[in-house]
C-alpha atoms as a PDB file:
ATOM      1  CA  UNK A   1      10.456  41.089  10.404  1.00  0.00           C
ATOM      2  CA  UNK A   2      13.883  39.528   9.349  1.00  0.00           C
ATOM      3  CA  UNK A   3      14.876  40.645   5.658  1.00  0.00           C
ATOM      4  CA  UNK A   4      13.977  38.087   3.146  1.00  0.00           C
ATOM      5  CA  UNK A   5      17.456  36.398   1.605  1.00  0.00           C
ATOM      6  CA  UNK A   6      17.723  37.324  -2.255  1.00  0.00           C
ATOM      7  CA  UNK A   7      16.597  33.845  -3.070  1.00  0.00           C
ATOM      8  CA  UNK A   8      13.252  33.671  -1.444  1.00  0.00           C
ATOM      9  CA  UNK A   9      13.064  37.208  -3.247  1.00  0.00           C
ATOM     10  CA  UNK A  10      14.104  35.816  -6.233  1.00  0.00           C
ATOM     11  CA  UNK A  11      11.746  32.213  -5.938  1.00  0.00           C
ATOM     12  CA  UNK A  12       8.716  34.309  -5.259  1.00  0.00           C
ATOM     13  CA  UNK A  13       9.193  36.274  -8.395  1.00  0.00           C
ATOM     14  CA  UNK A  14       6.897  35.163 -11.447  1.00  0.00           C
ATOM     15  CA  UNK A  15       8.784  37.267 -14.658  1.00  0.00           C
ATOM     16  CA  UNK A  16       6.003  36.598 -16.920  1.00  0.00           C
ATOM     17  CA  UNK A  17       3.838  38.679 -14.740  1.00  0.00           C
ATOM     18  CA  UNK A  18       6.595  41.171 -14.708  1.00  0.00           C
ATOM     19  CA  UNK A  19       7.148  41.311 -18.234  1.00  0.00           C
ATOM     20  CA  UNK A  20       3.369  41.821 -18.861  1.00  0.00           C
ATOM     21  CA  UNK A  21       3.155  44.586 -16.822  1.00  0.00           C
ATOM     22  CA  UNK A  22       6.411  46.053 -18.702  1.00  0.00           C
ATOM     23  CA  UNK A  23       4.531  45.736 -22.115  1.00  0.00           C
ATOM     24  CA  UNK A  24       0.941  46.772 -21.176  1.00  0.00           C
ATOM     25  CA  UNK A  25       1.591  49.748 -18.222  1.00  0.00           C
ATOM     26  CA  UNK A  26       5.171  51.364 -19.432  1.00  0.00           C
ATOM     27  CA  UNK A  27       7.023  51.258 -22.345  1.00  0.00           C
ATOM     28  CA  UNK A  28      10.033  52.782 -20.337  1.00  0.00           C
ATOM     29  CA  UNK A  29      13.517  51.707 -21.390  1.00  0.00           C
ATOM     30  CA  UNK A  30      14.537  51.769 -17.760  1.00  0.00           C
ATOM     31  CA  UNK A  31      12.287  49.657 -16.244  1.00  0.00           C
ATOM     32  CA  UNK A  32      12.275  47.627 -19.182  1.00  0.00           C
ATOM     33  CA  UNK A  33      16.227  46.616 -18.760  1.00  0.00           C
ATOM     34  CA  UNK A  34      15.272  46.145 -15.222  1.00  0.00           C
ATOM     35  CA  UNK A  35      12.954  43.295 -15.953  1.00  0.00           C
ATOM     36  CA  UNK A  36      15.308  41.764 -18.113  1.00  0.00           C
ATOM     37  CA  UNK A  37      17.929  41.826 -15.540  1.00  0.00           C
ATOM     38  CA  UNK A  38      15.884  40.530 -13.081  1.00  0.00           C
ATOM     39  CA  UNK A  39      15.075  37.508 -15.303  1.00  0.00           C
ATOM     40  CA  UNK A  40      18.480  36.798 -16.211  1.00  0.00           C
ATOM     41  CA  UNK A  41      19.442  37.029 -11.964  1.00  0.00           C
ATOM     42  CA  UNK A  42      16.330  34.354 -12.076  1.00  0.00           C
ATOM     43  CA  UNK A  43      17.644  32.288 -14.482  1.00  0.00           C
ATOM     44  CA  UNK A  44      21.396  32.021 -13.361  1.00  0.00           C
ATOM     45  CA  UNK A  45      20.484  31.606  -9.513  1.00  0.00           C
ATOM     46  CA  UNK A  46      17.579  29.428 -10.172  1.00  0.00           C
ATOM     47  CA  UNK A  47      18.813  26.853  -7.678  1.00  0.00           C
ATOM     48  CA  UNK A  48      18.848  28.520  -4.706  1.00  0.00           C
ATOM     49  CA  UNK A  49      18.270  26.686  -1.934  1.00  0.00           C
ATOM     50  CA  UNK A  50      17.715  23.941  -3.746  1.00  0.00           C
ATOM     51  CA  UNK A  51      14.517  25.514  -5.162  1.00  0.00           C
ATOM     52  CA  UNK A  52      13.538  24.276  -8.501  1.00  0.00           C
ATOM     53  CA  UNK A  53      12.119  27.663 -10.460  1.00  0.00           C
ATOM     54  CA  UNK A  54      10.029  27.125 -13.153  1.00  0.00           C
ATOM     55  CA  UNK A  55       8.934  30.617 -15.141  1.00  0.00           C
ATOM     56  CA  UNK A  56       5.307  31.634 -14.653  1.00  0.00           C
ATOM     57  CA  UNK A  57       4.509  28.742 -11.576  1.00  0.00           C
ATOM     58  CA  UNK A  58       5.000  28.549  -8.065  1.00  0.00           C
ATOM     59  CA  UNK A  59       7.740  26.894  -6.649  1.00  0.00           C
ATOM     60  CA  UNK A  60       7.589  23.319  -6.653  1.00  0.00           C
ATOM     61  CA  UNK A  61       9.089  21.371  -4.069  1.00  0.00           C
ATOM     62  CA  UNK A  62      10.125  17.843  -4.393  1.00  0.00           C
ATOM     63  CA  UNK A  63       8.599  15.221  -6.226  1.00  0.00           C
ATOM     64  CA  UNK A  64       6.471  12.194  -4.053  1.00  0.00           C
ATOM     65  CA  UNK A  65       7.788   9.279  -3.057  1.00  0.00           C
ATOM     66  CA  UNK A  66       6.626   6.263  -5.234  1.00  0.00           C
ATOM     67  CA  UNK A  67       4.189   4.270  -3.704  1.00  0.00           C
ATOM     68  CA  UNK A  68       3.944   0.494  -3.538  1.00  0.00           C
ATOM     69  CA  UNK A  69       1.759  -0.681  -6.878  1.00  0.00           C
ATOM     70  CA  UNK A  70      -1.220  -1.836  -6.014  1.00  0.00           C
ATOM     71  CA  UNK A  71      -2.781  -4.008  -8.817  1.00  0.00           C
ATOM     72  CA  UNK A  72      -6.353  -4.481  -9.070  1.00  0.00           C
ATOM     73  CA  UNK A  73      -7.409  -7.759  -8.049  1.00  0.00           C
ATOM     74  CA  UNK A  74      -8.976 -10.087 -10.568  1.00  0.00           C
ATOM     75  CA  UNK A  75     -12.909 -11.149  -9.643  1.00  0.00           C
ATOM     76  CA  UNK A  76     -14.516 -11.969 -12.847  1.00  0.00           C
ATOM     77  CA  UNK A  77     -16.352 -15.059 -12.457  1.00  0.00           C
ATOM     78  CA  UNK A  78     -15.322 -15.510  -9.067  1.00  0.00           C
ATOM     79  CA  UNK A  79     -17.219 -12.627  -7.447  1.00  0.00           C
ATOM     80  CA  UNK A  80     -21.728 -12.472  -7.956  1.00  0.00           C
ATOM     81  CA  UNK A  81     -21.036  -8.457  -6.708  1.00  0.00           C
ATOM     82  CA  UNK A  82     -18.654  -6.102  -6.092  1.00  0.00           C
ATOM     83  CA  UNK A  83     -20.387  -3.531  -4.258  1.00  0.00           C
ATOM     84  CA  UNK A  84     -19.337  -0.103  -3.044  1.00  0.00           C
ATOM     85  CA  UNK A  85     -20.182   1.040   0.425  1.00  0.00           C
ATOM     86  CA  UNK A  86     -19.454   4.446   1.613  1.00  0.00           C
ATOM     87  CA  UNK A  87     -19.980   5.009   5.549  1.00  0.00           C
ATOM     88  CA  UNK A  88     -18.679   7.854   8.403  1.00  0.00           C
ATOM     89  CA  UNK A  89     -16.403   7.787  10.812  1.00  0.00           C
ATOM     90  CA  UNK A  90     -15.564  11.150  12.728  1.00  0.00           C
ATOM     91  CA  UNK A  91     -15.611  13.871   9.706  1.00  0.00           C
ATOM     92  CA  UNK A  92     -14.540  11.703   6.678  1.00  0.00           C
ATOM     93  CA  UNK A  93     -16.605  10.044   4.439  1.00  0.00           C
ATOM     94  CA  UNK A  94     -14.920   6.333   3.989  1.00  0.00           C
ATOM     95  CA  UNK A  95     -15.005   3.954   0.901  1.00  0.00           C
ATOM     96  CA  UNK A  96     -14.996   0.038   1.230  1.00  0.00           C
ATOM     97  CA  UNK A  97     -16.060  -2.932  -0.796  1.00  0.00           C
ATOM     98  CA  UNK A  98     -17.959  -5.671   0.210  1.00  0.00           C
ATOM     99  CA  UNK A  99     -16.362  -9.157  -2.494  1.00  0.00           C
ATOM    100  CA  UNK A 100     -20.245 -11.450  -2.189  1.00  0.00           C
ATOM    101  CA  UNK A 101     -19.062 -15.010  -3.638  1.00  0.00           C
ATOM    102  CA  UNK A 102     -21.134 -16.743  -6.230  1.00  0.00           C
ATOM    103  CA  UNK A 103     -24.199 -18.441  -5.043  1.00  0.00           C
ATOM    104  CA  UNK A 104     -27.353 -17.329  -3.843  1.00  0.00           C
ATOM    105  CA  UNK A 105     -26.887 -18.050   0.357  1.00  0.00           C
ATOM    106  CA  UNK A 106     -25.708 -15.160   2.503  1.00  0.00           C
ATOM    107  CA  UNK A 107     -21.729 -15.614   3.041  1.00  0.00           C
ATOM    108  CA  UNK A 108     -19.940 -16.000   5.592  1.00  0.00           C
ATOM    109  CA  UNK A 109     -17.868 -12.705   5.925  1.00  0.00           C
ATOM    110  CA  UNK A 110     -13.970 -11.691   5.932  1.00  0.00           C
ATOM    111  CA  UNK A 111     -13.585  -8.101   7.533  1.00  0.00           C
ATOM    112  CA  UNK A 112     -10.092  -6.946   7.013  1.00  0.00           C
ATOM    113  CA  UNK A 113      -7.984  -4.082   9.218  1.00  0.00           C
ATOM    114  CA  UNK A 114      -4.910  -3.054   7.259  1.00  0.00           C
ATOM    115  CA  UNK A 115      -1.768  -2.836   8.271  1.00  0.00           C
ATOM    116  CA  UNK A 116       0.281   0.543   8.375  1.00  0.00           C
ATOM    117  CA  UNK A 117       1.144   2.624   5.579  1.00  0.00           C
ATOM    118  CA  UNK A 118      -1.855   4.904   3.751  1.00  0.00           C
ATOM    119  CA  UNK A 119      -2.919   1.793   1.425  1.00  0.00           C
ATOM    120  CA  UNK A 120      -6.313   1.623  -0.228  1.00  0.00           C
ATOM    121  CA  UNK A 121      -8.521  -2.070  -0.661  1.00  0.00           C
ATOM    122  CA  UNK A 122      -6.372  -2.682  -3.639  1.00  0.00           C
ATOM    123  CA  UNK A 123      -3.734  -3.832  -0.779  1.00  0.00           C
ATOM    124  CA  UNK A 124      -5.809  -7.209   0.267  1.00  0.00           C
ATOM    125  CA  UNK A 125      -7.360  -7.677  -3.195  1.00  0.00           C
ATOM    126  CA  UNK A 126      -5.365 -10.817  -3.210  1.00  0.00           C
ATOM    127  CA  UNK A 127      -6.911 -12.198   0.055  1.00  0.00           C
ATOM    128  CA  UNK A 128     -10.319 -11.618  -2.284  1.00  0.00           C
ATOM    129  CA  UNK A 129      -8.873 -13.585  -5.051  1.00  0.00           C
ATOM    130  CA  UNK A 130      -7.854 -16.571  -2.328  1.00  0.00           C
ATOM    131  CA  UNK A 131     -11.123 -16.339  -0.419  1.00  0.00           C
ATOM    132  CA  UNK A 132     -14.228 -16.034  -3.056  1.00  0.00           C
ATOM    133  CA  UNK A 133     -13.463 -18.884  -4.267  1.00  0.00           C
ATOM    134  CA  UNK A 134     -13.793 -20.623  -0.651  1.00  0.00           C
ATOM    135  CA  UNK A 135     -17.480 -18.945  -0.340  1.00  0.00           C
ATOM    136  CA  UNK A 136     -16.192 -16.017   2.223  1.00  0.00           C
ATOM    137  CA  UNK A 137     -17.430 -12.723   1.332  1.00  0.00           C
ATOM    138  CA  UNK A 138     -14.673 -10.054   2.227  1.00  0.00           C
ATOM    139  CA  UNK A 139     -14.888  -6.045   2.719  1.00  0.00           C
ATOM    140  CA  UNK A 140     -11.905  -4.121   2.312  1.00  0.00           C
ATOM    141  CA  UNK A 141     -11.857  -0.633   2.575  1.00  0.00           C
ATOM    142  CA  UNK A 142      -9.815   2.605   1.663  1.00  0.00           C
ATOM    143  CA  UNK A 143      -7.714   4.028   4.428  1.00  0.00           C
ATOM    144  CA  UNK A 144      -8.717   7.669   5.443  1.00  0.00           C
ATOM    145  CA  UNK A 145      -7.109  10.130   3.093  1.00  0.00           C
ATOM    146  CA  UNK A 146      -6.635   7.479   0.112  1.00  0.00           C
ATOM    147  CA  UNK A 147      -8.133   5.818  -2.810  1.00  0.00           C
ATOM    148  CA  UNK A 148     -11.396   7.574  -2.782  1.00  0.00           C
ATOM    149  CA  UNK A 149     -12.052   8.055   1.281  1.00  0.00           C
ATOM    150  CA  UNK A 150     -11.991  11.656   2.392  1.00  0.00           C
ATOM    151  CA  UNK A 151     -10.181  12.939   5.169  1.00  0.00           C
ATOM    152  CA  UNK A 152      -6.168  13.216   5.838  1.00  0.00           C
ATOM    153  CA  UNK A 153      -3.863  10.113   6.149  1.00  0.00           C
ATOM    154  CA  UNK A 154      -2.581   9.400   9.567  1.00  0.00           C
ATOM    155  CA  UNK A 155      -5.881   9.867  11.522  1.00  0.00           C
ATOM    156  CA  UNK A 156      -8.289   8.075  13.463  1.00  0.00           C
ATOM    157  CA  UNK A 157      -7.270   4.338  11.906  1.00  0.00           C
ATOM    158  CA  UNK A 158      -8.442   2.573  14.863  1.00  0.00           C
ATOM    159  CA  UNK A 159     -11.763   4.236  14.926  1.00  0.00           C
ATOM    160  CA  UNK A 160     -12.065   4.155  11.252  1.00  0.00           C
ATOM    161  CA  UNK A 161     -11.541   0.532  11.447  1.00  0.00           C
ATOM    162  CA  UNK A 162     -14.339  -0.118  13.938  1.00  0.00           C
ATOM    163  CA  UNK A 163     -16.505   2.234  11.662  1.00  0.00           C
ATOM    164  CA  UNK A 164     -16.126   0.342   8.588  1.00  0.00           C
ATOM    165  CA  UNK A 165     -16.754  -2.940  10.883  1.00  0.00           C
ATOM    166  CA  UNK A 166     -20.081  -1.056  11.496  1.00  0.00           C
ATOM    167  CA  UNK A 167     -20.500  -0.799   7.950  1.00  0.00           C
ATOM    168  CA  UNK A 168     -19.228  -4.412   6.760  1.00  0.00           C
ATOM    169  CA  UNK A 169     -21.749  -6.195   8.923  1.00  0.00           C
ATOM    170  CA  UNK A 170     -24.401  -4.362   8.274  1.00  0.00           C
ATOM    171  CA  UNK A 171     -24.829  -5.073   4.615  1.00  0.00           C
ATOM    172  CA  UNK A 172     -26.702  -7.066   3.211  1.00  0.00           C
ATOM    173  CA  UNK A 173     -25.811 -11.015   1.551  1.00  0.00           C
ATOM    174  CA  UNK A 174     -23.458 -11.856   4.829  1.00  0.00           C
ATOM    175  CA  UNK A 175     -24.540 -13.779   7.228  1.00  0.00           C
ATOM    176  CA  UNK A 176     -23.985 -12.109  10.793  1.00  0.00           C
ATOM    177  CA  UNK A 177     -23.707 -15.132  12.502  1.00  0.00           C
ATOM    178  CA  UNK A 178     -20.484 -16.353  10.635  1.00  0.00           C
ATOM    179  CA  UNK A 179     -18.640 -13.399  10.304  1.00  0.00           C
ATOM    180  CA  UNK A 180     -14.148 -13.334  10.906  1.00  0.00           C
ATOM    181  CA  UNK A 181     -11.828 -10.376  11.423  1.00  0.00           C
ATOM    182  CA  UNK A 182      -8.807 -10.575   9.364  1.00  0.00           C
ATOM    183  CA  UNK A 183      -6.261  -8.064  11.375  1.00  0.00           C
ATOM    184  CA  UNK A 184      -2.266  -7.581  10.116  1.00  0.00           C
ATOM    185  CA  UNK A 185       0.084  -6.025  11.783  1.00  0.00           C
ATOM    186  CA  UNK A 186      -0.481  -2.441  13.609  1.00  0.00           C
ATOM    187  CA  UNK A 187      -4.253  -3.322  12.793  1.00  0.00           C
ATOM    188  CA  UNK A 188      -3.957  -6.394  15.475  1.00  0.00           C
ATOM    189  CA  UNK A 189      -3.258  -3.640  17.605  1.00  0.00           C
ATOM    190  CA  UNK A 190      -6.237  -1.503  16.589  1.00  0.00           C
ATOM    191  CA  UNK A 191      -8.803  -4.443  16.919  1.00  0.00           C
ATOM    192  CA  UNK A 192      -7.026  -5.361  20.428  1.00  0.00           C
ATOM    193  CA  UNK A 193      -7.319  -1.779  21.631  1.00  0.00           C
ATOM    194  CA  UNK A 194     -10.808  -1.701  21.325  1.00  0.00           C
ATOM    195  CA  UNK A 195     -12.471  -5.532  20.989  1.00  0.00           C
ATOM    196  CA  UNK A 196     -15.150  -4.590  23.364  1.00  0.00           C
ATOM    197  CA  UNK A 197     -16.582  -2.350  20.767  1.00  0.00           C
ATOM    198  CA  UNK A 198     -15.996  -4.807  17.963  1.00  0.00           C
ATOM    199  CA  UNK A 199     -18.449  -7.537  19.747  1.00  0.00           C
ATOM    200  CA  UNK A 200     -21.025  -5.083  20.789  1.00  0.00           C
ATOM    201  CA  UNK A 201     -21.724  -4.625  16.778  1.00  0.00           C
ATOM    202  CA  UNK A 202     -21.329  -8.007  16.092  1.00  0.00           C
ATOM    203  CA  UNK A 203     -19.023 -10.997  17.448  1.00  0.00           C
ATOM    204  CA  UNK A 204     -16.515 -11.931  15.392  1.00  0.00           C
ATOM    205  CA  UNK A 205     -16.774 -16.170  14.854  1.00  0.00           C
ATOM    206  CA  UNK A 206     -13.179 -16.031  15.306  1.00  0.00           C
ATOM    207  CA  UNK A 207     -10.312 -13.516  14.258  1.00  0.00           C
ATOM    208  CA  UNK A 208      -6.790 -14.257  12.098  1.00  0.00           C
ATOM    209  CA  UNK A 209      -3.802 -12.334  13.568  1.00  0.00           C
ATOM    210  CA  UNK A 210      -1.738 -11.945  10.447  1.00  0.00           C
ATOM    211  CA  UNK A 211       1.784 -10.334  11.238  1.00  0.00           C
ATOM    212  CA  UNK A 212       0.767 -10.235  15.081  1.00  0.00           C
ATOM    213  CA  UNK A 213       2.096  -7.722  17.376  1.00  0.00           C
ATOM    214  CA  UNK A 214       0.364  -8.543  20.430  1.00  0.00           C
ATOM    215  CA  UNK A 215       2.147  -9.957  23.463  1.00  0.00           C
ATOM    216  CA  UNK A 216       1.407 -12.469  26.054  1.00  0.00           C
ATOM    217  CA  UNK A 217      -0.058  -9.402  27.723  1.00  0.00           C
ATOM    218  CA  UNK A 218      -2.267  -7.460  25.004  1.00  0.00           C
ATOM    219  CA  UNK A 219      -3.553 -10.576  23.548  1.00  0.00           C
ATOM    220  CA  UNK A 220      -6.132 -12.132  25.965  1.00  0.00           C
ATOM    221  CA  UNK A 221      -8.356  -8.644  24.757  1.00  0.00           C
ATOM    222  CA  UNK A 222      -9.193 -10.827  22.098  1.00  0.00           C
ATOM    223  CA  UNK A 223     -12.008 -12.783  23.661  1.00  0.00           C
ATOM    224  CA  UNK A 224     -12.189 -14.866  20.880  1.00  0.00           C
ATOM    225  CA  UNK A 225     -11.227 -18.256  18.747  1.00  0.00           C
ATOM    226  CA  UNK A 226      -7.971 -16.869  17.508  1.00  0.00           C
ATOM    227  CA  UNK A 227      -5.511 -17.647  14.594  1.00  0.00           C
ATOM    228  CA  UNK A 228      -1.911 -16.212  14.625  1.00  0.00           C
ATOM    229  CA  UNK A 229       0.188 -16.222  12.075  1.00  0.00           C
ATOM    230  CA  UNK A 230       3.696 -15.098  11.722  1.00  0.00           C
ATOM    231  CA  UNK A 231       6.887 -15.098  10.059  1.00  0.00           C
ATOM    232  CA  UNK A 232       9.921 -16.921  10.952  1.00  0.00           C
ATOM    233  CA  UNK A 233      11.775 -13.904  10.155  1.00  0.00           C
ATOM    234  CA  UNK A 234      10.422 -11.882  13.022  1.00  0.00           C
ATOM    235  CA  UNK A 235      13.140 -10.280  15.481  1.00  0.00           C
ATOM    236  CA  UNK A 236      10.564 -10.879  18.623  1.00  0.00           C
ATOM    237  CA  UNK A 237       9.373 -14.363  17.276  1.00  0.00           C
ATOM    238  CA  UNK A 238       8.746 -16.247  20.200  1.00  0.00           C
ATOM    239  CA  UNK A 239       7.035 -13.178  22.784  1.00  0.00           C
ATOM    240  CA  UNK A 240       4.233 -12.566  19.749  1.00  0.00           C
ATOM    241  CA  UNK A 241       4.224 -16.133  18.573  1.00  0.00           C
ATOM    242  CA  UNK A 242       4.426 -19.248  21.120  1.00  0.00           C
ATOM    243  CA  UNK A 243       3.867 -16.796  24.041  1.00  0.00           C
ATOM    244  CA  UNK A 244       1.677 -14.725  22.905  1.00  0.00           C
ATOM    245  CA  UNK A 245      -0.674 -18.344  21.818  1.00  0.00           C
ATOM    246  CA  UNK A 246      -0.087 -19.830  25.327  1.00  0.00           C
ATOM    247  CA  UNK A 247      -0.963 -16.951  27.071  1.00  0.00           C
ATOM    248  CA  UNK A 248      -4.423 -16.789  25.024  1.00  0.00           C
ATOM    249  CA  UNK A 249      -4.903 -20.652  25.489  1.00  0.00           C
ATOM    250  CA  UNK A 250      -4.186 -20.212  28.962  1.00  0.00           C
ATOM    251  CA  UNK A 251      -6.378 -17.147  29.964  1.00  0.00           C
ATOM    252  CA  UNK A 252      -9.586 -17.862  27.910  1.00  0.00           C
ATOM    253  CA  UNK A 253     -11.662 -21.050  26.566  1.00  0.00           C
ATOM    254  CA  UNK A 254     -11.777 -20.181  23.037  1.00  0.00           C
ATOM    255  CA  UNK A 255      -9.323 -21.731  21.300  1.00  0.00           C
ATOM    256  CA  UNK A 256      -5.847 -20.146  19.693  1.00  0.00           C
ATOM    257  CA  UNK A 257      -3.242 -21.531  16.850  1.00  0.00           C
ATOM    258  CA  UNK A 258      -0.344 -20.767  15.637  1.00  0.00           C
ATOM    259  CA  UNK A 259       1.435 -20.930  12.314  1.00  0.00           C
ATOM    260  CA  UNK A 260       4.658 -19.484  11.590  1.00  0.00           C
ATOM    261  CA  UNK A 261       5.649 -19.002   7.828  1.00  0.00           C
ATOM    262  CA  UNK A 262       9.050 -19.972   6.943  1.00  0.00           C
ATOM    263  CA  UNK A 263      10.825 -18.347   4.262  1.00  0.00           C
ATOM    264  CA  UNK A 264       8.326 -14.875   4.479  1.00  0.00           C
ATOM    265  CA  UNK A 265       8.875 -11.133   5.804  1.00  0.00           C
ATOM    266  CA  UNK A 266       6.912  -9.783   7.688  1.00  0.00           C
ATOM    267  CA  UNK A 267       3.341  -9.247   5.760  1.00  0.00           C
ATOM    268  CA  UNK A 268       3.546 -12.753   5.370  1.00  0.00           C
ATOM    269  CA  UNK A 269       5.549 -12.811   1.497  1.00  0.00           C
ATOM    270  CA  UNK A 270       7.352 -15.525   0.176  1.00  0.00           C
ATOM    271  CA  UNK A 271      11.157 -14.163  -0.100  1.00  0.00           C
ATOM    272  CA  UNK A 272      12.699 -17.711  -0.624  1.00  0.00           C
ATOM    273  CA  UNK A 273      13.850 -16.212  -3.797  1.00  0.00           C
ATOM    274  CA  UNK A 274      14.880 -13.075  -2.823  1.00  0.00           C
ATOM    275  CA  UNK A 275      13.164  -9.725  -1.212  1.00  0.00           C
ATOM    276  CA  UNK A 276      10.358  -7.962  -2.498  1.00  0.00           C
ATOM    277  CA  UNK A 277      10.009  -5.911  -5.099  1.00  0.00           C
ATOM    278  CA  UNK A 278       6.729  -3.983  -3.990  1.00  0.00           C
ATOM    279  CA  UNK A 279       7.066  -1.448  -7.040  1.00  0.00           C
ATOM    280  CA  UNK A 280       6.584  -4.620  -9.239  1.00  0.00           C
ATOM    281  CA  UNK A 281       2.661  -5.277  -9.277  1.00  0.00           C
ATOM    282  CA  UNK A 282       3.733  -9.047  -9.428  1.00  0.00           C
ATOM    283  CA  UNK A 283       4.190  -8.855  -5.603  1.00  0.00           C
ATOM    284  CA  UNK A 284       0.643 -10.026  -4.929  1.00  0.00           C
ATOM    285  CA  UNK A 285       1.610 -13.303  -6.534  1.00  0.00           C
ATOM    286  CA  UNK A 286       4.552 -14.051  -3.706  1.00  0.00           C
ATOM    287  CA  UNK A 287       2.187 -14.075  -0.702  1.00  0.00           C
ATOM    288  CA  UNK A 288       3.120 -17.275   1.300  1.00  0.00           C
ATOM    289  CA  UNK A 289       1.346 -20.054   0.214  1.00  0.00           C
ATOM    290  CA  UNK A 290       1.102 -22.170   3.263  1.00  0.00           C
ATOM    291  CA  UNK A 291      -0.021 -19.412   5.314  1.00  0.00           C
ATOM    292  CA  UNK A 292      -2.705 -18.508   2.937  1.00  0.00           C
ATOM    293  CA  UNK A 293      -3.637 -22.247   2.743  1.00  0.00           C
ATOM    294  CA  UNK A 294      -3.413 -22.853   6.426  1.00  0.00           C
ATOM    295  CA  UNK A 295      -5.986 -19.481   7.226  1.00  0.00           C
ATOM    296  CA  UNK A 296      -8.458 -20.823   4.514  1.00  0.00           C
ATOM    297  CA  UNK A 297      -8.585 -23.974   6.663  1.00  0.00           C
ATOM    298  CA  UNK A 298      -9.171 -22.569   9.682  1.00  0.00           C
ATOM    299  CA  UNK A 299     -11.604 -20.502   8.700  1.00  0.00           C
ATOM    300  CA  UNK A 300     -13.763 -22.989   6.970  1.00  0.00           C
ATOM    301  CA  UNK A 301     -13.043 -25.369  10.461  1.00  0.00           C
ATOM    302  CA  UNK A 302     -13.804 -22.358  13.144  1.00  0.00           C
ATOM    303  CA  UNK A 303     -17.142 -21.748  10.762  1.00  0.00           C
ATOM    304  CA  UNK A 304     -19.190 -25.106  12.159  1.00  0.00           C
ATOM    305  CA  UNK A 305     -17.435 -25.800  15.444  1.00  0.00           C
ATOM    306  CA  UNK A 306     -18.465 -25.055  19.015  1.00  0.00           C
ATOM    307  CA  UNK A 307     -16.553 -22.750  21.208  1.00  0.00           C
ATOM    308  CA  UNK A 308     -17.028 -22.755  24.903  1.00  0.00           C
ATOM    309  CA  UNK A 309     -18.237 -19.177  26.347  1.00  0.00           C
ATOM    310  CA  UNK A 310     -17.147 -18.658  30.350  1.00  0.00           C
ATOM    311  CA  UNK A 311     -20.976 -18.942  30.523  1.00  0.00           C
ATOM    312  CA  UNK A 312     -22.520 -21.130  28.295  1.00  0.00           C
ATOM    313  CA  UNK A 313     -21.978 -22.997  24.977  1.00  0.00           C
ATOM    314  CA  UNK A 314     -22.940 -21.726  22.109  1.00  0.00           C
ATOM    315  CA  UNK A 315     -23.660 -24.258  18.971  1.00  0.00           C
ATOM    316  CA  UNK A 316     -22.167 -22.266  16.096  1.00  0.00           C
ATOM    317  CA  UNK A 317     -22.781 -25.336  13.122  1.00  0.00           C
ATOM    318  CA  UNK A 318     -24.656 -24.581  10.248  1.00  0.00           C
ATOM    319  CA  UNK A 319     -27.837 -23.416  10.521  1.00  0.00           C
ATOM    320  CA  UNK A 320     -27.714 -22.258  13.688  1.00  0.00           C
END
């Protein structure tokens, strides 16, 4: 083994433990002098190799990077129940929340598949605030390794989304014939990659692809009515917007709509008044009004329309 550097030796040295040993094991003047010299070296060389050394503690690394502010949604008065839901995905126990709207009837469900990043359910609290008054239940969950979910972040996101969907559609209080999936950004890829598995659990009434990443080749995997909402600032706007919608319409009979949000950044927040400060909790108030209004209108319309499937026409009117 190679010799350790003086900085490594100093960084591992605990002067408080040495002082304790000097006081309780020996009063030899030479040993006490050596302890004093070592303590002086620790203090004078504490910046070795960029390490910050605190007396009596282990070596400290850099502080964690600041995370986005994720304010809890204000659902008082619009949610009859906020139900905590725990479910298993592989070796992790994940935590989600089903927000049910006012009223006694089984509610149509909007299931959310996250965008990228180590975010919790509260990243989509603003969607619950928007959709609950419209009569929709909303299911959001903490990604693996975030919030109340166990496991290590960065693993198995597509499988976790599928497990969350299974848990969501099994809940009491929702209408399984009126289930919608809202996937955003990388979530659109997670959904398309295993859409058949989502269908096997519960065929969705419709799918909204927010901040869509699917091009003409991938989008046809989503065999359902779709709404694509993308920002006008997207560098590949044609491919993930009009070209993708045209490909879906040409290949499948379900119907596809496109909404382009003017003055929005990738995740569909309004930047006409300047960039978003994600560390400011007020970012949730800057969602693109036109995009969210179009989403709500599409959900209401798709909930009661008839969809032509390859083999048959299914009546999707209320109560059927």
